[in-house]
Amino acid sequence: WPDHCVQGTQGAAFHPDLRTDGDLIIRKGFRPAID
């Protein structure tokens, strides 16, 4: 893929209009060697 959703960048942030007041956020793809 093109470089995308890099930790801490604006691209990785949720869409600004999306409600994020849910119960849980699961982050994935953070292990360097596996998608």
PDB file of all heavy atoms in Angstrom:
ATOM      1  N   TRP A   1       0.828  -1.207   0.000  1.00  0.00           N
ATOM      2  CA  TRP A   1       0.000   0.000   0.000  1.00  0.00           C
ATOM      3  C   TRP A   1       0.865   1.260   0.000  1.00  0.00           C
ATOM      4  O   TRP A   1       2.025   1.224   0.409  1.00  0.00           O
ATOM      5  CB  TRP A   1      -0.878   0.015   1.255  1.00  0.00           C
ATOM      6  CG  TRP A   1      -1.736  -1.193   1.415  1.00  0.00           C
ATOM      7  CD1 TRP A   1      -1.565  -2.201   2.312  1.00  0.00           C
ATOM      8  CD2 TRP A   1      -2.901  -1.518   0.658  1.00  0.00           C
ATOM      9  NE1 TRP A   1      -2.566  -3.153   2.168  1.00  0.00           N
ATOM     10  CE2 TRP A   1      -3.392  -2.752   1.151  1.00  0.00           C
ATOM     11  CE3 TRP A   1      -3.573  -0.900  -0.388  1.00  0.00           C
ATOM     12  CZ2 TRP A   1      -4.528  -3.369   0.634  1.00  0.00           C
ATOM     13  CZ3 TRP A   1      -4.701  -1.511  -0.901  1.00  0.00           C
ATOM     14  CH2 TRP A   1      -5.173  -2.729  -0.390  1.00  0.00           C
ATOM     15  N   PRO A   2       0.285   2.399  -0.391  1.00  0.00           N
ATOM     16  CA  PRO A   2       0.960   3.673  -0.117  1.00  0.00           C
ATOM     17  C   PRO A   2       1.124   3.835   1.396  1.00  0.00           C
ATOM     18  O   PRO A   2       0.331   3.270   2.165  1.00  0.00           O
ATOM     19  CB  PRO A   2      -0.017   4.723  -0.668  1.00  0.00           C
ATOM     20  CG  PRO A   2      -1.001   3.993  -1.512  1.00  0.00           C
ATOM     21  CD  PRO A   2      -1.037   2.583  -1.024  1.00  0.00           C
ATOM     22  N   ASP A   3       2.136   4.583   1.829  1.00  0.00           N
ATOM     23  CA  ASP A   3       2.271   4.864   3.263  1.00  0.00           C
ATOM     24  C   ASP A   3       0.967   5.485   3.746  1.00  0.00           C
ATOM     25  O   ASP A   3       0.491   6.471   3.165  1.00  0.00           O
ATOM     26  CB  ASP A   3       3.421   5.840   3.515  1.00  0.00           C
ATOM     27  CG  ASP A   3       4.790   5.222   3.256  1.00  0.00           C
ATOM     28  OD1 ASP A   3       4.870   4.246   2.476  1.00  0.00           O
ATOM     29  OD2 ASP A   3       5.770   5.737   3.810  1.00  0.00           O
ATOM     30  N   HIS A   4       0.389   4.932   4.799  1.00  0.00           N
ATOM     31  CA  HIS A   4      -0.903   5.437   5.281  1.00  0.00           C
ATOM     32  C   HIS A   4      -1.060   5.148   6.765  1.00  0.00           C
ATOM     33  O   HIS A   4      -0.455   4.221   7.307  1.00  0.00           O
ATOM     34  CB  HIS A   4      -2.066   4.804   4.505  1.00  0.00           C
ATOM     35  CG  HIS A   4      -2.218   3.328   4.753  1.00  0.00           C
ATOM     36  ND1 HIS A   4      -1.418   2.374   4.145  1.00  0.00           N
ATOM     37  CD2 HIS A   4      -3.050   2.628   5.564  1.00  0.00           C
ATOM     38  CE1 HIS A   4      -1.767   1.182   4.567  1.00  0.00           C
ATOM     39  NE2 HIS A   4      -2.756   1.294   5.439  1.00  0.00           N
ATOM     40  N   CYS A   5      -1.892   5.943   7.418  1.00  0.00           N
ATOM     41  CA  CYS A   5      -2.255   5.749   8.823  1.00  0.00           C
ATOM     42  C   CYS A   5      -1.031   5.523   9.700  1.00  0.00           C
ATOM     43  O   CYS A   5      -1.002   4.610  10.542  1.00  0.00           O
ATOM     44  CB  CYS A   5      -3.255   4.603   8.967  1.00  0.00           C
ATOM     45  SG  CYS A   5      -4.833   4.920   8.149  1.00  0.00           S
ATOM     46  N   VAL A   6      -0.022   6.373   9.494  1.00  0.00           N
ATOM     47  CA  VAL A   6       1.191   6.294  10.307  1.00  0.00           C
ATOM     48  C   VAL A   6       0.887   6.873  11.683  1.00  0.00           C
ATOM     49  O   VAL A   6       0.276   7.940  11.815  1.00  0.00           O
ATOM     50  CB  VAL A   6       2.355   7.035   9.633  1.00  0.00           C
ATOM     51  CG1 VAL A   6       3.575   7.098  10.548  1.00  0.00           C
ATOM     52  CG2 VAL A   6       2.710   6.350   8.309  1.00  0.00           C
ATOM     53  N   GLN A   7       1.302   6.149  12.711  1.00  0.00           N
ATOM     54  CA  GLN A   7       0.971   6.491  14.093  1.00  0.00           C
ATOM     55  C   GLN A   7       1.223   7.967  14.399  1.00  0.00           C
ATOM     56  O   GLN A   7       2.294   8.500  14.109  1.00  0.00           O
ATOM     57  CB  GLN A   7       1.817   5.635  15.036  1.00  0.00           C
ATOM     58  CG  GLN A   7       1.528   4.159  14.933  1.00  0.00           C
ATOM     59  CD  GLN A   7       2.487   3.306  15.745  1.00  0.00           C
ATOM     60  OE1 GLN A   7       3.345   3.828  16.449  1.00  0.00           O
ATOM     61  NE2 GLN A   7       2.348   1.992  15.648  1.00  0.00           N
ATOM     62  N   GLY A   8       0.207   8.603  14.952  1.00  0.00           N
ATOM     63  CA  GLY A   8       0.346   9.980  15.404  1.00  0.00           C
ATOM     64  C   GLY A   8       0.175  11.031  14.334  1.00  0.00           C
ATOM     65  O   GLY A   8       0.203  12.230  14.638  1.00  0.00           O
ATOM     66  N   THR A   9      -0.028  10.621  13.072  1.00  0.00           N
ATOM     67  CA  THR A   9      -0.192  11.595  11.996  1.00  0.00           C
ATOM     68  C   THR A   9      -1.659  11.976  11.831  1.00  0.00           C
ATOM     69  O   THR A   9      -2.560  11.275  12.312  1.00  0.00           O
ATOM     70  CB  THR A   9       0.328  11.043  10.659  1.00  0.00           C
ATOM     71  OG1 THR A   9      -0.497   9.917  10.272  1.00  0.00           O
ATOM     72  CG2 THR A   9       1.791  10.617  10.762  1.00  0.00           C
ATOM     73  N   GLN A  10      -1.882  13.063  11.112  1.00  0.00           N
ATOM     74  CA  GLN A  10      -3.250  13.491  10.818  1.00  0.00           C
ATOM     75  C   GLN A  10      -3.980  12.439   9.982  1.00  0.00           C
ATOM     76  O   GLN A  10      -5.179  12.241  10.113  1.00  0.00           O
ATOM     77  CB  GLN A  10      -3.233  14.842  10.099  1.00  0.00           C
ATOM     78  CG  GLN A  10      -4.591  15.503   9.958  1.00  0.00           C
ATOM     79  CD  GLN A  10      -5.291  15.751  11.291  1.00  0.00           C
ATOM     80  OE1 GLN A  10      -4.664  15.996  12.310  1.00  0.00           O
ATOM     81  NE2 GLN A  10      -6.623  15.665  11.293  1.00  0.00           N
ATOM     82  N   GLY A  11      -3.241  11.761   9.109  1.00  0.00           N
ATOM     83  CA  GLY A  11      -3.856  10.726   8.280  1.00  0.00           C
ATOM     84  C   GLY A  11      -4.398   9.565   9.085  1.00  0.00           C
ATOM     85  O   GLY A  11      -5.375   8.925   8.694  1.00  0.00           O
ATOM     86  N   ALA A  12      -3.765   9.270  10.217  1.00  0.00           N
ATOM     87  CA  ALA A  12      -4.219   8.165  11.061  1.00  0.00           C
ATOM     88  C   ALA A  12      -5.393   8.549  11.949  1.00  0.00           C
ATOM     89  O   ALA A  12      -6.059   7.680  12.511  1.00  0.00           O
ATOM     90  CB  ALA A  12      -3.067   7.661  11.933  1.00  0.00           C
ATOM     91  N   ALA A  13      -5.644   9.847  12.083  1.00  0.00           N
ATOM     92  CA  ALA A  13      -6.735  10.311  12.942  1.00  0.00           C
ATOM     93  C   ALA A  13      -8.085   9.933  12.345  1.00  0.00           C
ATOM     94  O   ALA A  13      -8.228   9.791  11.124  1.00  0.00           O
ATOM     95  CB  ALA A  13      -6.649  11.824  13.119  1.00  0.00           C
ATOM     96  N   PHE A  14      -9.071   9.763  13.213  1.00  0.00           N
ATOM     97  CA  PHE A  14     -10.429   9.546  12.728  1.00  0.00           C
ATOM     98  C   PHE A  14     -10.910  10.762  11.945  1.00  0.00           C
ATOM     99  O   PHE A  14     -10.465  11.885  12.186  1.00  0.00           O
ATOM    100  CB  PHE A  14     -11.376   9.290  13.902  1.00  0.00           C
ATOM    101  CG  PHE A  14     -11.150   7.975  14.600  1.00  0.00           C
ATOM    102  CD1 PHE A  14     -10.714   7.935  15.915  1.00  0.00           C
ATOM    103  CD2 PHE A  14     -11.380   6.770  13.944  1.00  0.00           C
ATOM    104  CE1 PHE A  14     -10.508   6.727  16.570  1.00  0.00           C
ATOM    105  CE2 PHE A  14     -11.181   5.555  14.586  1.00  0.00           C
ATOM    106  CZ  PHE A  14     -10.738   5.533  15.900  1.00  0.00           C
ATOM    107  N   HIS A  15     -11.825  10.513  11.001  1.00  0.00           N
ATOM    108  CA  HIS A  15     -12.444  11.622  10.271  1.00  0.00           C
ATOM    109  C   HIS A  15     -12.974  12.624  11.298  1.00  0.00           C
ATOM    110  O   HIS A  15     -13.599  12.240  12.298  1.00  0.00           O
ATOM    111  CB  HIS A  15     -13.583  11.102   9.395  1.00  0.00           C
ATOM    112  CG  HIS A  15     -14.156  12.138   8.478  1.00  0.00           C
ATOM    113  ND1 HIS A  15     -15.010  13.116   8.925  1.00  0.00           N
ATOM    114  CD2 HIS A  15     -13.969  12.356   7.151  1.00  0.00           C
ATOM    115  CE1 HIS A  15     -15.352  13.889   7.898  1.00  0.00           C
ATOM    116  NE2 HIS A  15     -14.732  13.448   6.809  1.00  0.00           N
ATOM    117  N   PRO A  16     -12.720  13.921  11.091  1.00  0.00           N
ATOM    118  CA  PRO A  16     -13.062  14.901  12.127  1.00  0.00           C
ATOM    119  C   PRO A  16     -14.539  14.964  12.482  1.00  0.00           C
ATOM    120  O   PRO A  16     -14.885  15.381  13.586  1.00  0.00           O
ATOM    121  CB  PRO A  16     -12.585  16.234  11.539  1.00  0.00           C
ATOM    122  CG  PRO A  16     -12.398  15.998  10.077  1.00  0.00           C
ATOM    123  CD  PRO A  16     -12.050  14.556   9.923  1.00  0.00           C
ATOM    124  N   ASP A  17     -15.411  14.530  11.580  1.00  0.00           N
ATOM    125  CA  ASP A  17     -16.845  14.573  11.871  1.00  0.00           C
ATOM    126  C   ASP A  17     -17.367  13.281  12.494  1.00  0.00           C
ATOM    127  O   ASP A  17     -18.534  13.207  12.886  1.00  0.00           O
ATOM    128  CB  ASP A  17     -17.637  14.856  10.584  1.00  0.00           C
ATOM    129  CG  ASP A  17     -17.341  16.248  10.035  1.00  0.00           C
ATOM    130  OD1 ASP A  17     -16.967  17.138  10.830  1.00  0.00           O
ATOM    131  OD2 ASP A  17     -17.457  16.432   8.804  1.00  0.00           O
ATOM    132  N   LEU A  18     -16.524  12.261  12.598  1.00  0.00           N
ATOM    133  CA  LEU A  18     -16.967  10.993  13.163  1.00  0.00           C
ATOM    134  C   LEU A  18     -17.085  11.083  14.678  1.00  0.00           C
ATOM    135  O   LEU A  18     -16.188  11.593  15.355  1.00  0.00           O
ATOM    136  CB  LEU A  18     -15.971   9.882  12.802  1.00  0.00           C
ATOM    137  CG  LEU A  18     -16.322   8.480  13.311  1.00  0.00           C
ATOM    138  CD1 LEU A  18     -17.516   7.908  12.547  1.00  0.00           C
ATOM    139  CD2 LEU A  18     -15.115   7.547  13.213  1.00  0.00           C
ATOM    140  N   ARG A  19     -18.179  10.565  15.212  1.00  0.00           N
ATOM    141  CA  ARG A  19     -18.312  10.463  16.667  1.00  0.00           C
ATOM    142  C   ARG A  19     -17.315   9.423  17.184  1.00  0.00           C
ATOM    143  O   ARG A  19     -17.232   8.323  16.653  1.00  0.00           O
ATOM    144  CB  ARG A  19     -19.725  10.036  17.041  1.00  0.00           C
ATOM    145  CG  ARG A  19     -20.763  11.121  16.904  1.00  0.00           C
ATOM    146  CD  ARG A  19     -22.154  10.594  17.219  1.00  0.00           C
ATOM    147  NE  ARG A  19     -22.240   9.969  18.549  1.00  0.00           N
ATOM    148  CZ  ARG A  19     -23.344   9.352  19.006  1.00  0.00           C
ATOM    149  NH1 ARG A  19     -24.413   9.248  18.234  1.00  0.00           N
ATOM    150  NH2 ARG A  19     -23.355   8.843  20.215  1.00  0.00           N
ATOM    151  N   THR A  20     -16.574   9.773  18.198  1.00  0.00           N
ATOM    152  CA  THR A  20     -15.598   8.835  18.762  1.00  0.00           C
ATOM    153  C   THR A  20     -15.897   8.560  20.243  1.00  0.00           C
ATOM    154  O   THR A  20     -15.017   8.159  20.990  1.00  0.00           O
ATOM    155  CB  THR A  20     -14.167   9.374  18.606  1.00  0.00           C
ATOM    156  OG1 THR A  20     -14.081  10.663  19.216  1.00  0.00           O
ATOM    157  CG2 THR A  20     -13.766   9.460  17.143  1.00  0.00           C
ATOM    158  N   ASP A  21     -17.150   8.768  20.627  1.00  0.00           N
ATOM    159  CA  ASP A  21     -17.548   8.569  22.017  1.00  0.00           C
ATOM    160  C   ASP A  21     -18.038   7.140  22.256  1.00  0.00           C
ATOM    161  O   ASP A  21     -18.963   6.907  23.021  1.00  0.00           O
ATOM    162  CB  ASP A  21     -18.621   9.585  22.414  1.00  0.00           C
ATOM    163  CG  ASP A  21     -19.845   9.543  21.504  1.00  0.00           C
ATOM    164  OD1 ASP A  21     -19.731   9.082  20.351  1.00  0.00           O
ATOM    165  OD2 ASP A  21     -20.922   9.988  21.934  1.00  0.00           O
ATOM    166  N   GLY A  22     -17.375   6.183  21.590  1.00  0.00           N
ATOM    167  CA  GLY A  22     -17.756   4.788  21.748  1.00  0.00           C
ATOM    168  C   GLY A  22     -17.168   4.187  23.010  1.00  0.00           C
ATOM    169  O   GLY A  22     -16.583   4.879  23.861  1.00  0.00           O
ATOM    170  N   ASP A  23     -17.297   2.868  23.135  1.00  0.00           N
ATOM    171  CA  ASP A  23     -16.853   2.159  24.335  1.00  0.00           C
ATOM    172  C   ASP A  23     -15.392   1.727  24.263  1.00  0.00           C
ATOM    173  O   ASP A  23     -14.751   1.552  25.292  1.00  0.00           O
ATOM    174  CB  ASP A  23     -17.724   0.912  24.532  1.00  0.00           C
ATOM    175  CG  ASP A  23     -19.176   1.279  24.762  1.00  0.00           C
ATOM    176  OD1 ASP A  23     -19.891   1.540  23.770  1.00  0.00           O
ATOM    177  OD2 ASP A  23     -19.593   1.335  25.928  1.00  0.00           O
ATOM    178  N   LEU A  24     -14.882   1.516  23.041  1.00  0.00           N
ATOM    179  CA  LEU A  24     -13.540   0.964  22.893  1.00  0.00           C
ATOM    180  C   LEU A  24     -12.968   1.366  21.542  1.00  0.00           C
ATOM    181  O   LEU A  24     -13.701   1.414  20.544  1.00  0.00           O
ATOM    182  CB  LEU A  24     -13.599  -0.575  22.977  1.00  0.00           C
ATOM    183  CG  LEU A  24     -12.290  -1.351  22.820  1.00  0.00           C
ATOM    184  CD1 LEU A  24     -11.385  -1.139  24.033  1.00  0.00           C
ATOM    185  CD2 LEU A  24     -12.565  -2.842  22.614  1.00  0.00           C
ATOM    186  N   ILE A  25     -11.665   1.646  21.516  1.00  0.00           N
ATOM    187  CA  ILE A  25     -10.927   1.822  20.265  1.00  0.00           C
ATOM    188  C   ILE A  25      -9.873   0.723  20.200  1.00  0.00           C
ATOM    189  O   ILE A  25      -9.065   0.568  21.121  1.00  0.00           O
ATOM    190  CB  ILE A  25     -10.260   3.210  20.189  1.00  0.00           C
ATOM    191  CG1 ILE A  25     -11.323   4.314  20.133  1.00  0.00           C
ATOM    192  CG2 ILE A  25      -9.341   3.294  18.961  1.00  0.00           C
ATOM    193  CD1 ILE A  25     -10.757   5.714  20.286  1.00  0.00           C
ATOM    194  N   ILE A  26      -9.923  -0.052  19.127  1.00  0.00           N
ATOM    195  CA  ILE A  26      -8.934  -1.114  18.890  1.00  0.00           C
ATOM    196  C   ILE A  26      -7.973  -0.630  17.808  1.00  0.00           C
ATOM    197  O   ILE A  26      -8.407  -0.291  16.700  1.00  0.00           O
ATOM    198  CB  ILE A  26      -9.627  -2.416  18.415  1.00  0.00           C
ATOM    199  CG1 ILE A  26     -10.341  -3.100  19.576  1.00  0.00           C
ATOM    200  CG2 ILE A  26      -8.627  -3.371  17.764  1.00  0.00           C
ATOM    201  CD1 ILE A  26      -9.485  -4.015  20.409  1.00  0.00           C
ATOM    202  N   ARG A  27      -6.691  -0.590  18.141  1.00  0.00           N
ATOM    203  CA  ARG A  27      -5.681  -0.220  17.144  1.00  0.00           C
ATOM    204  C   ARG A  27      -5.048  -1.491  16.582  1.00  0.00           C
ATOM    205  O   ARG A  27      -4.762  -2.423  17.326  1.00  0.00           O
ATOM    206  CB  ARG A  27      -4.627   0.692  17.768  1.00  0.00           C
ATOM    207  CG  ARG A  27      -5.181   2.084  18.021  1.00  0.00           C
ATOM    208  CD  ARG A  27      -4.194   2.985  18.709  1.00  0.00           C
ATOM    209  NE  ARG A  27      -4.636   4.369  18.639  1.00  0.00           N
ATOM    210  CZ  ARG A  27      -4.122   5.347  19.373  1.00  0.00           C
ATOM    211  NH1 ARG A  27      -3.135   5.090  20.226  1.00  0.00           N
ATOM    212  NH2 ARG A  27      -4.569   6.575  19.244  1.00  0.00           N
ATOM    213  N   LYS A  28      -4.835  -1.482  15.271  1.00  0.00           N
ATOM    214  CA  LYS A  28      -4.309  -2.683  14.603  1.00  0.00           C
ATOM    215  C   LYS A  28      -3.257  -2.280  13.577  1.00  0.00           C
ATOM    216  O   LYS A  28      -3.184  -1.126  13.166  1.00  0.00           O
ATOM    217  CB  LYS A  28      -5.441  -3.468  13.946  1.00  0.00           C
ATOM    218  CG  LYS A  28      -6.245  -2.677  12.929  1.00  0.00           C
ATOM    219  CD  LYS A  28      -7.500  -3.412  12.521  1.00  0.00           C
ATOM    220  CE  LYS A  28      -8.286  -2.649  11.476  1.00  0.00           C
ATOM    221  NZ  LYS A  28      -7.597  -2.507  10.182  1.00  0.00           N
ATOM    222  N   GLY A  29      -2.437  -3.266  13.187  1.00  0.00           N
ATOM    223  CA  GLY A  29      -1.391  -2.998  12.208  1.00  0.00           C
ATOM    224  C   GLY A  29      -0.179  -2.308  12.792  1.00  0.00           C
ATOM    225  O   GLY A  29       0.615  -1.732  12.060  1.00  0.00           O
ATOM    226  N   PHE A  30      -0.013  -2.381  14.107  1.00  0.00           N
ATOM    227  CA  PHE A  30       1.102  -1.665  14.755  1.00  0.00           C
ATOM    228  C   PHE A  30       2.364  -2.512  14.855  1.00  0.00           C
ATOM    229  O   PHE A  30       3.415  -2.006  15.235  1.00  0.00           O
ATOM    230  CB  PHE A  30       0.701  -1.148  16.140  1.00  0.00           C
ATOM    231  CG  PHE A  30       0.152  -2.201  17.058  1.00  0.00           C
ATOM    232  CD1 PHE A  30       0.991  -3.055  17.743  1.00  0.00           C
ATOM    233  CD2 PHE A  30      -1.222  -2.319  17.231  1.00  0.00           C
ATOM    234  CE1 PHE A  30       0.478  -4.030  18.590  1.00  0.00           C
ATOM    235  CE2 PHE A  30      -1.746  -3.292  18.077  1.00  0.00           C
ATOM    236  CZ  PHE A  30      -0.895  -4.151  18.760  1.00  0.00           C
ATOM    237  N   ARG A  31       2.273  -3.810  14.516  1.00  0.00           N
ATOM    238  CA  ARG A  31       3.473  -4.647  14.500  1.00  0.00           C
ATOM    239  C   ARG A  31       4.185  -4.440  13.166  1.00  0.00           C
ATOM    240  O   ARG A  31       3.579  -4.646  12.106  1.00  0.00           O
ATOM    241  CB  ARG A  31       3.097  -6.124  14.695  1.00  0.00           C
ATOM    242  CG  ARG A  31       2.554  -6.422  16.088  1.00  0.00           C
ATOM    243  CD  ARG A  31       2.144  -7.887  16.240  1.00  0.00           C
ATOM    244  NE  ARG A  31       1.764  -8.195  17.617  1.00  0.00           N
ATOM    245  CZ  ARG A  31       0.543  -8.029  18.107  1.00  0.00           C
ATOM    246  NH1 ARG A  31      -0.428  -7.540  17.346  1.00  0.00           N
ATOM    247  NH2 ARG A  31       0.281  -8.336  19.367  1.00  0.00           N
ATOM    248  N   PRO A  32       5.469  -4.061  13.168  1.00  0.00           N
ATOM    249  CA  PRO A  32       6.146  -3.647  11.928  1.00  0.00           C
ATOM    250  C   PRO A  32       6.177  -4.701  10.827  1.00  0.00           C
ATOM    251  O   PRO A  32       6.154  -4.364   9.652  1.00  0.00           O
ATOM    252  CB  PRO A  32       7.572  -3.312  12.389  1.00  0.00           C
ATOM    253  CG  PRO A  32       7.446  -2.998  13.842  1.00  0.00           C
ATOM    254  CD  PRO A  32       6.337  -3.864  14.349  1.00  0.00           C
ATOM    255  N   ALA A  33       6.215  -5.976  11.182  1.00  0.00           N
ATOM    256  CA  ALA A  33       6.445  -7.021  10.187  1.00  0.00           C
ATOM    257  C   ALA A  33       5.177  -7.689   9.677  1.00  0.00           C
ATOM    258  O   ALA A  33       5.252  -8.596   8.851  1.00  0.00           O
ATOM    259  CB  ALA A  33       7.383  -8.085  10.762  1.00  0.00           C
ATOM    260  N   ILE A  34       4.009  -7.249  10.152  1.00  0.00           N
ATOM    261  CA  ILE A  34       2.768  -7.917   9.744  1.00  0.00           C
ATOM    262  C   ILE A  34       1.628  -6.919   9.663  1.00  0.00           C
ATOM    263  O   ILE A  34       1.489  -6.047  10.512  1.00  0.00           O
ATOM    264  CB  ILE A  34       2.438  -9.078  10.714  1.00  0.00           C
ATOM    265  CG1 ILE A  34       1.238  -9.885  10.214  1.00  0.00           C
ATOM    266  CG2 ILE A  34       2.193  -8.577  12.128  1.00  0.00           C
ATOM    267  CD1 ILE A  34       1.058 -11.199  10.930  1.00  0.00           C
ATOM    268  N   ASP A  35       0.832  -7.060   8.596  1.00  0.00           N
ATOM    269  CA  ASP A  35      -0.308  -6.174   8.424  1.00  0.00           C
ATOM    270  C   ASP A  35      -1.503  -6.758   9.167  1.00  0.00           C
ATOM    271  O   ASP A  35      -1.483  -7.908   9.617  1.00  0.00           O
ATOM    272  CB  ASP A  35      -0.628  -6.014   6.936  1.00  0.00           C
ATOM    273  CG  ASP A  35      -1.373  -4.731   6.633  1.00  0.00           C
ATOM    274  OD1 ASP A  35      -1.535  -3.905   7.545  1.00  0.00           O
ATOM    275  OD2 ASP A  35      -1.772  -4.533   5.466  1.00  0.00           O
TER     276      ASP A  35
END
